[in-house]
Amino acid sequence: MKKVISLVLTFSFVLILTGFQSQDEPKKHSYIGAEACGMCHKTDRQGKQLDIWKNSAHSKAYQALLTKEADEIAKQKGYDTPAAKTEACLKCHTSGYDVDASLLGKKFKIEDGVQCETCHGPGSDYKDMKIMKNKEEAVKNGLVIYENYKDLCVKCHNSESPTYKEFNFEEAWEKIKHPVPKN
């Protein structure tokens, strides 16, 4: 009888413990890639966000890490890996470099640099039009909306960057902002 009670208590404890862990761990959303986002966000009606991004330095940010100059900067900073393999460089030059490969969709390309999901969060669970039309539902499903985008931008555009140039948020924002037109 003691063995049965002990077994039941142990089993109950394990169930309770695993139940609490799964509640504490937020759902991990997958990255779908800029081209997948662009399927909807390329039209005039939506605001041509894909074109704005493609014509920005953000879309070319990863490519900058593939240069000899970038490798030299990484070396000067004490890293023994090429810039395109150095986490300190990747964190501001691309998305998804630090997640399990199972969270990277078929259309996701690290080479696309600073893309939609860098700022708006992985889109796998909010990409559907039904969800996107409901802002609250989209946020519940992983969409990130900032009250103040400057706080996000200065995480990379700051004096810790080895190639930092004075950052004028208002001027930069005028070039990169991409609202969905109110229809």
C-alpha atoms as a PDB file:
ATOM      1  CA  MET A   1       0.000   0.000   0.000  1.00  0.00           C
ATOM      2  CA  LYS A   2       2.862   2.403   0.841  1.00  0.00           C
ATOM      3  CA  LYS A   3       4.342   1.773  -2.609  1.00  0.00           C
ATOM      4  CA  VAL A   4       1.037   2.645  -4.275  1.00  0.00           C
ATOM      5  CA  ILE A   5       0.669   5.871  -2.259  1.00  0.00           C
ATOM      6  CA  SER A   6       4.290   6.780  -2.943  1.00  0.00           C
ATOM      7  CA  LEU A   7       3.820   6.120  -6.648  1.00  0.00           C
ATOM      8  CA  VAL A   8       0.600   8.168  -6.789  1.00  0.00           C
ATOM      9  CA  LEU A   9       2.245  11.086  -4.934  1.00  0.00           C
ATOM     10  CA  THR A  10       5.310  10.999  -7.183  1.00  0.00           C
ATOM     11  CA  PHE A  11       3.170  10.856 -10.327  1.00  0.00           C
ATOM     12  CA  SER A  12       0.967  13.710  -9.062  1.00  0.00           C
ATOM     13  CA  PHE A  13       4.024  15.817  -8.249  1.00  0.00           C
ATOM     14  CA  VAL A  14       5.445  15.284 -11.747  1.00  0.00           C
ATOM     15  CA  LEU A  15       2.119  16.226 -13.359  1.00  0.00           C
ATOM     16  CA  ILE A  16       1.828  19.371 -11.265  1.00  0.00           C
ATOM     17  CA  LEU A  17       5.430  20.366 -11.937  1.00  0.00           C
ATOM     18  CA  THR A  18       5.188  19.892 -15.702  1.00  0.00           C
ATOM     19  CA  GLY A  19       1.843  21.694 -15.763  1.00  0.00           C
ATOM     20  CA  PHE A  20       3.345  24.745 -14.093  1.00  0.00           C
ATOM     21  CA  GLN A  21       6.334  24.753 -16.423  1.00  0.00           C
ATOM     22  CA  SER A  22       4.203  24.686 -19.564  1.00  0.00           C
ATOM     23  CA  GLN A  23       2.085  27.586 -18.267  1.00  0.00           C
ATOM     24  CA  ASP A  24       5.170  29.685 -17.571  1.00  0.00           C
ATOM     25  CA  GLU A  25       6.759  29.093 -20.951  1.00  0.00           C
ATOM     26  CA  PRO A  26       5.324  31.428 -23.610  1.00  0.00           C
ATOM     27  CA  LYS A  27       4.497  30.025 -27.033  1.00  0.00           C
ATOM     28  CA  LYS A  28       7.344  30.310 -29.487  1.00  0.00           C
ATOM     29  CA  HIS A  29       6.260  31.777 -32.801  1.00  0.00           C
ATOM     30  CA  SER A  30       8.095  30.928 -36.020  1.00  0.00           C
ATOM     31  CA  TYR A  31       9.737  33.345 -38.442  1.00  0.00           C
ATOM     32  CA  ILE A  32       8.140  33.367 -41.900  1.00  0.00           C
ATOM     33  CA  GLY A  33      10.440  35.846 -43.689  1.00  0.00           C
ATOM     34  CA  ALA A  34      10.062  39.200 -45.391  1.00  0.00           C
ATOM     35  CA  GLU A  35       8.857  37.746 -48.680  1.00  0.00           C
ATOM     36  CA  ALA A  36       6.011  35.947 -46.891  1.00  0.00           C
ATOM     37  CA  CYS A  37       5.009  39.193 -45.157  1.00  0.00           C
ATOM     38  CA  GLY A  38       5.318  40.936 -48.497  1.00  0.00           C
ATOM     39  CA  MET A  39       2.652  38.749 -50.068  1.00  0.00           C
ATOM     40  CA  CYS A  40       0.121  41.121 -48.497  1.00  0.00           C
ATOM     41  CA  HIS A  41       2.283  44.121 -47.674  1.00  0.00           C
ATOM     42  CA  LYS A  42       3.323  44.954 -51.237  1.00  0.00           C
ATOM     43  CA  THR A  43       0.185  46.555 -52.605  1.00  0.00           C
ATOM     44  CA  ASP A  44      -0.741  50.238 -52.745  1.00  0.00           C
ATOM     45  CA  ARG A  45      -3.799  49.459 -50.654  1.00  0.00           C
ATOM     46  CA  GLN A  46      -1.629  48.017 -47.870  1.00  0.00           C
ATOM     47  CA  GLY A  47       1.049  50.724 -48.092  1.00  0.00           C
ATOM     48  CA  LYS A  48       3.820  49.038 -50.136  1.00  0.00           C
ATOM     49  CA  GLN A  49       5.801  48.146 -47.007  1.00  0.00           C
ATOM     50  CA  LEU A  50       7.798  45.510 -48.898  1.00  0.00           C
ATOM     51  CA  ASP A  51       9.135  48.121 -51.341  1.00  0.00           C
ATOM     52  CA  ILE A  52       9.986  50.527 -48.523  1.00  0.00           C
ATOM     53  CA  TRP A  53      11.954  47.766 -46.798  1.00  0.00           C
ATOM     54  CA  LYS A  54      13.664  46.525 -50.001  1.00  0.00           C
ATOM     55  CA  ASN A  55      14.890  50.048 -50.723  1.00  0.00           C
ATOM     56  CA  SER A  56      16.245  50.554 -47.216  1.00  0.00           C
ATOM     57  CA  ALA A  57      19.614  49.801 -45.646  1.00  0.00           C
ATOM     58  CA  HIS A  58      17.789  47.381 -43.342  1.00  0.00           C
ATOM     59  CA  SER A  59      17.283  44.894 -46.197  1.00  0.00           C
ATOM     60  CA  LYS A  60      21.020  44.985 -46.900  1.00  0.00           C
ATOM     61  CA  ALA A  61      22.209  44.905 -43.277  1.00  0.00           C
ATOM     62  CA  TYR A  62      23.317  41.264 -43.354  1.00  0.00           C
ATOM     63  CA  GLN A  63      25.160  41.786 -46.653  1.00  0.00           C
ATOM     64  CA  ALA A  64      27.296  44.418 -44.900  1.00  0.00           C
ATOM     65  CA  LEU A  65      28.619  41.662 -42.616  1.00  0.00           C
ATOM     66  CA  LEU A  66      29.994  39.737 -45.594  1.00  0.00           C
ATOM     67  CA  THR A  67      32.623  42.381 -46.362  1.00  0.00           C
ATOM     68  CA  LYS A  68      36.331  42.365 -45.494  1.00  0.00           C
ATOM     69  CA  GLU A  69      35.743  45.654 -43.658  1.00  0.00           C
ATOM     70  CA  ALA A  70      33.155  44.022 -41.384  1.00  0.00           C
ATOM     71  CA  ASP A  71      35.481  41.089 -40.667  1.00  0.00           C
ATOM     72  CA  GLU A  72      38.252  43.539 -39.801  1.00  0.00           C
ATOM     73  CA  ILE A  73      35.965  45.426 -37.403  1.00  0.00           C
ATOM     74  CA  ALA A  74      34.997  42.132 -35.733  1.00  0.00           C
ATOM     75  CA  LYS A  75      38.677  41.214 -35.409  1.00  0.00           C
ATOM     76  CA  GLN A  76      39.521  44.639 -33.916  1.00  0.00           C
ATOM     77  CA  LYS A  77      36.742  44.090 -31.368  1.00  0.00           C
ATOM     78  CA  GLY A  78      38.408  40.837 -30.308  1.00  0.00           C
ATOM     79  CA  TYR A  79      36.223  38.306 -32.113  1.00  0.00           C
ATOM     80  CA  ASP A  80      37.855  35.351 -33.844  1.00  0.00           C
ATOM     81  CA  THR A  81      34.907  34.633 -36.125  1.00  0.00           C
ATOM     82  CA  PRO A  82      33.886  36.410 -39.330  1.00  0.00           C
ATOM     83  CA  ALA A  83      31.371  39.226 -38.778  1.00  0.00           C
ATOM     84  CA  ALA A  84      28.585  37.157 -40.382  1.00  0.00           C
ATOM     85  CA  LYS A  85      29.122  34.483 -37.697  1.00  0.00           C
ATOM     86  CA  THR A  86      29.610  36.839 -34.737  1.00  0.00           C
ATOM     87  CA  GLU A  87      26.583  37.174 -32.446  1.00  0.00           C
ATOM     88  CA  ALA A  88      27.502  40.741 -31.471  1.00  0.00           C
ATOM     89  CA  CYS A  89      27.228  41.706 -35.157  1.00  0.00           C
ATOM     90  CA  LEU A  90      24.260  39.509 -36.048  1.00  0.00           C
ATOM     91  CA  LYS A  91      22.061  40.950 -33.300  1.00  0.00           C
ATOM     92  CA  CYS A  92      21.766  44.233 -35.217  1.00  0.00           C
ATOM     93  CA  HIS A  93      22.180  42.998 -38.775  1.00  0.00           C
ATOM     94  CA  THR A  94      19.555  40.258 -39.073  1.00  0.00           C
ATOM     95  CA  SER A  95      16.691  38.316 -37.488  1.00  0.00           C
ATOM     96  CA  GLY A  96      16.377  34.741 -36.331  1.00  0.00           C
ATOM     97  CA  TYR A  97      20.103  34.065 -35.911  1.00  0.00           C
ATOM     98  CA  ASP A  98      19.608  33.027 -32.283  1.00  0.00           C
ATOM     99  CA  VAL A  99      16.591  30.723 -32.516  1.00  0.00           C
ATOM    100  CA  ASP A 100      16.273  26.999 -33.114  1.00  0.00           C
ATOM    101  CA  ALA A 101      16.194  26.192 -36.833  1.00  0.00           C
ATOM    102  CA  SER A 102      12.766  24.593 -36.346  1.00  0.00           C
ATOM    103  CA  LEU A 103      11.411  28.132 -35.799  1.00  0.00           C
ATOM    104  CA  LEU A 104      12.586  29.337 -39.229  1.00  0.00           C
ATOM    105  CA  GLY A 105      10.011  28.947 -41.986  1.00  0.00           C
ATOM    106  CA  LYS A 106      10.796  27.811 -45.539  1.00  0.00           C
ATOM    107  CA  LYS A 107      10.744  31.381 -46.894  1.00  0.00           C
ATOM    108  CA  PHE A 108      12.828  32.868 -44.074  1.00  0.00           C
ATOM    109  CA  LYS A 109      16.313  34.004 -45.122  1.00  0.00           C
ATOM    110  CA  ILE A 110      18.849  35.316 -42.635  1.00  0.00           C
ATOM    111  CA  GLU A 111      20.393  37.114 -45.633  1.00  0.00           C
ATOM    112  CA  ASP A 112      17.349  39.406 -45.736  1.00  0.00           C
ATOM    113  CA  GLY A 113      18.874  41.358 -42.863  1.00  0.00           C
ATOM    114  CA  VAL A 114      16.775  43.535 -40.604  1.00  0.00           C
ATOM    115  CA  GLN A 115      13.338  42.551 -41.805  1.00  0.00           C
ATOM    116  CA  CYS A 116       9.690  42.745 -40.824  1.00  0.00           C
ATOM    117  CA  GLU A 117       9.952  40.255 -37.978  1.00  0.00           C
ATOM    118  CA  THR A 118      12.966  41.986 -36.434  1.00  0.00           C
ATOM    119  CA  CYS A 119      10.630  44.731 -35.280  1.00  0.00           C
ATOM    120  CA  HIS A 120       7.181  43.127 -35.450  1.00  0.00           C
ATOM    121  CA  GLY A 121       7.987  39.684 -34.026  1.00  0.00           C
ATOM    122  CA  PRO A 122       7.872  36.262 -35.693  1.00  0.00           C
ATOM    123  CA  GLY A 123       4.786  36.165 -37.905  1.00  0.00           C
ATOM    124  CA  SER A 124       3.721  32.538 -38.112  1.00  0.00           C
ATOM    125  CA  ASP A 125       0.736  32.942 -35.833  1.00  0.00           C
ATOM    126  CA  TYR A 126      -0.498  36.400 -36.841  1.00  0.00           C
ATOM    127  CA  LYS A 127       0.030  36.255 -40.622  1.00  0.00           C
ATOM    128  CA  ASP A 128      -3.507  35.175 -41.501  1.00  0.00           C
ATOM    129  CA  MET A 129      -5.706  38.018 -42.753  1.00  0.00           C
ATOM    130  CA  LYS A 130      -8.480  37.186 -40.257  1.00  0.00           C
ATOM    131  CA  ILE A 131      -6.024  37.693 -37.407  1.00  0.00           C
ATOM    132  CA  MET A 132      -4.276  40.727 -38.905  1.00  0.00           C
ATOM    133  CA  LYS A 133      -7.600  42.551 -39.291  1.00  0.00           C
ATOM    134  CA  ASN A 134      -8.062  42.367 -35.512  1.00  0.00           C
ATOM    135  CA  LYS A 135      -5.184  44.225 -33.849  1.00  0.00           C
ATOM    136  CA  GLU A 136      -5.849  42.723 -30.414  1.00  0.00           C
ATOM    137  CA  GLU A 137      -5.935  39.203 -31.853  1.00  0.00           C
ATOM    138  CA  ALA A 138      -2.755  39.831 -33.857  1.00  0.00           C
ATOM    139  CA  VAL A 139      -0.918  40.992 -30.728  1.00  0.00           C
ATOM    140  CA  LYS A 140      -2.155  37.900 -28.851  1.00  0.00           C
ATOM    141  CA  ASN A 141      -0.628  35.835 -31.649  1.00  0.00           C
ATOM    142  CA  GLY A 142       2.804  37.461 -31.549  1.00  0.00           C
ATOM    143  CA  LEU A 143       2.565  40.792 -33.391  1.00  0.00           C
ATOM    144  CA  VAL A 144       4.723  43.370 -31.648  1.00  0.00           C
ATOM    145  CA  ILE A 145       3.556  46.981 -31.752  1.00  0.00           C
ATOM    146  CA  TYR A 146       5.657  49.599 -30.022  1.00  0.00           C
ATOM    147  CA  GLU A 147       4.302  52.702 -28.371  1.00  0.00           C
ATOM    148  CA  ASN A 148       7.605  54.393 -29.156  1.00  0.00           C
ATOM    149  CA  TYR A 149       9.625  52.962 -32.038  1.00  0.00           C
ATOM    150  CA  LYS A 150      12.621  55.066 -31.084  1.00  0.00           C
ATOM    151  CA  ASP A 151      13.162  52.747 -28.102  1.00  0.00           C
ATOM    152  CA  LEU A 152      13.479  49.847 -30.534  1.00  0.00           C
ATOM    153  CA  CYS A 153      15.688  51.651 -33.041  1.00  0.00           C
ATOM    154  CA  VAL A 154      18.258  52.808 -30.506  1.00  0.00           C
ATOM    155  CA  LYS A 155      18.908  49.222 -29.432  1.00  0.00           C
ATOM    156  CA  CYS A 156      21.147  49.089 -32.511  1.00  0.00           C
ATOM    157  CA  HIS A 157      21.557  52.705 -33.582  1.00  0.00           C
ATOM    158  CA  ASN A 158      23.679  53.710 -30.592  1.00  0.00           C
ATOM    159  CA  SER A 159      27.247  54.541 -29.623  1.00  0.00           C
ATOM    160  CA  GLU A 160      28.020  50.875 -28.824  1.00  0.00           C
ATOM    161  CA  SER A 161      28.028  50.151 -32.555  1.00  0.00           C
ATOM    162  CA  PRO A 162      31.600  50.198 -33.908  1.00  0.00           C
ATOM    163  CA  THR A 163      30.438  52.129 -36.991  1.00  0.00           C
ATOM    164  CA  TYR A 164      28.099  54.489 -35.128  1.00  0.00           C
ATOM    165  CA  LYS A 165      27.199  57.771 -36.769  1.00  0.00           C
ATOM    166  CA  GLU A 166      24.951  60.356 -35.160  1.00  0.00           C
ATOM    167  CA  PHE A 167      21.424  58.945 -35.202  1.00  0.00           C
ATOM    168  CA  ASN A 168      18.568  61.329 -35.836  1.00  0.00           C
ATOM    169  CA  PHE A 169      15.482  59.228 -35.154  1.00  0.00           C
ATOM    170  CA  GLU A 170      12.975  61.656 -36.674  1.00  0.00           C
ATOM    171  CA  GLU A 171      14.922  61.869 -39.927  1.00  0.00           C
ATOM    172  CA  ALA A 172      15.485  58.102 -40.080  1.00  0.00           C
ATOM    173  CA  TRP A 173      11.845  57.385 -39.237  1.00  0.00           C
ATOM    174  CA  GLU A 174      10.653  59.480 -42.188  1.00  0.00           C
ATOM    175  CA  LYS A 175      12.632  57.163 -44.486  1.00  0.00           C
ATOM    176  CA  ILE A 176      11.528  53.848 -42.986  1.00  0.00           C
ATOM    177  CA  LYS A 177       8.020  54.348 -41.585  1.00  0.00           C
ATOM    178  CA  HIS A 178       5.485  52.163 -43.327  1.00  0.00           C
ATOM    179  CA  PRO A 179       1.948  52.578 -42.005  1.00  0.00           C
ATOM    180  CA  VAL A 180      -0.997  50.688 -43.390  1.00  0.00           C
ATOM    181  CA  PRO A 181      -3.224  53.354 -44.983  1.00  0.00           C
ATOM    182  CA  LYS A 182      -6.557  53.921 -43.295  1.00  0.00           C
ATOM    183  CA  ASN A 183      -9.165  52.808 -45.818  1.00  0.00           C
END
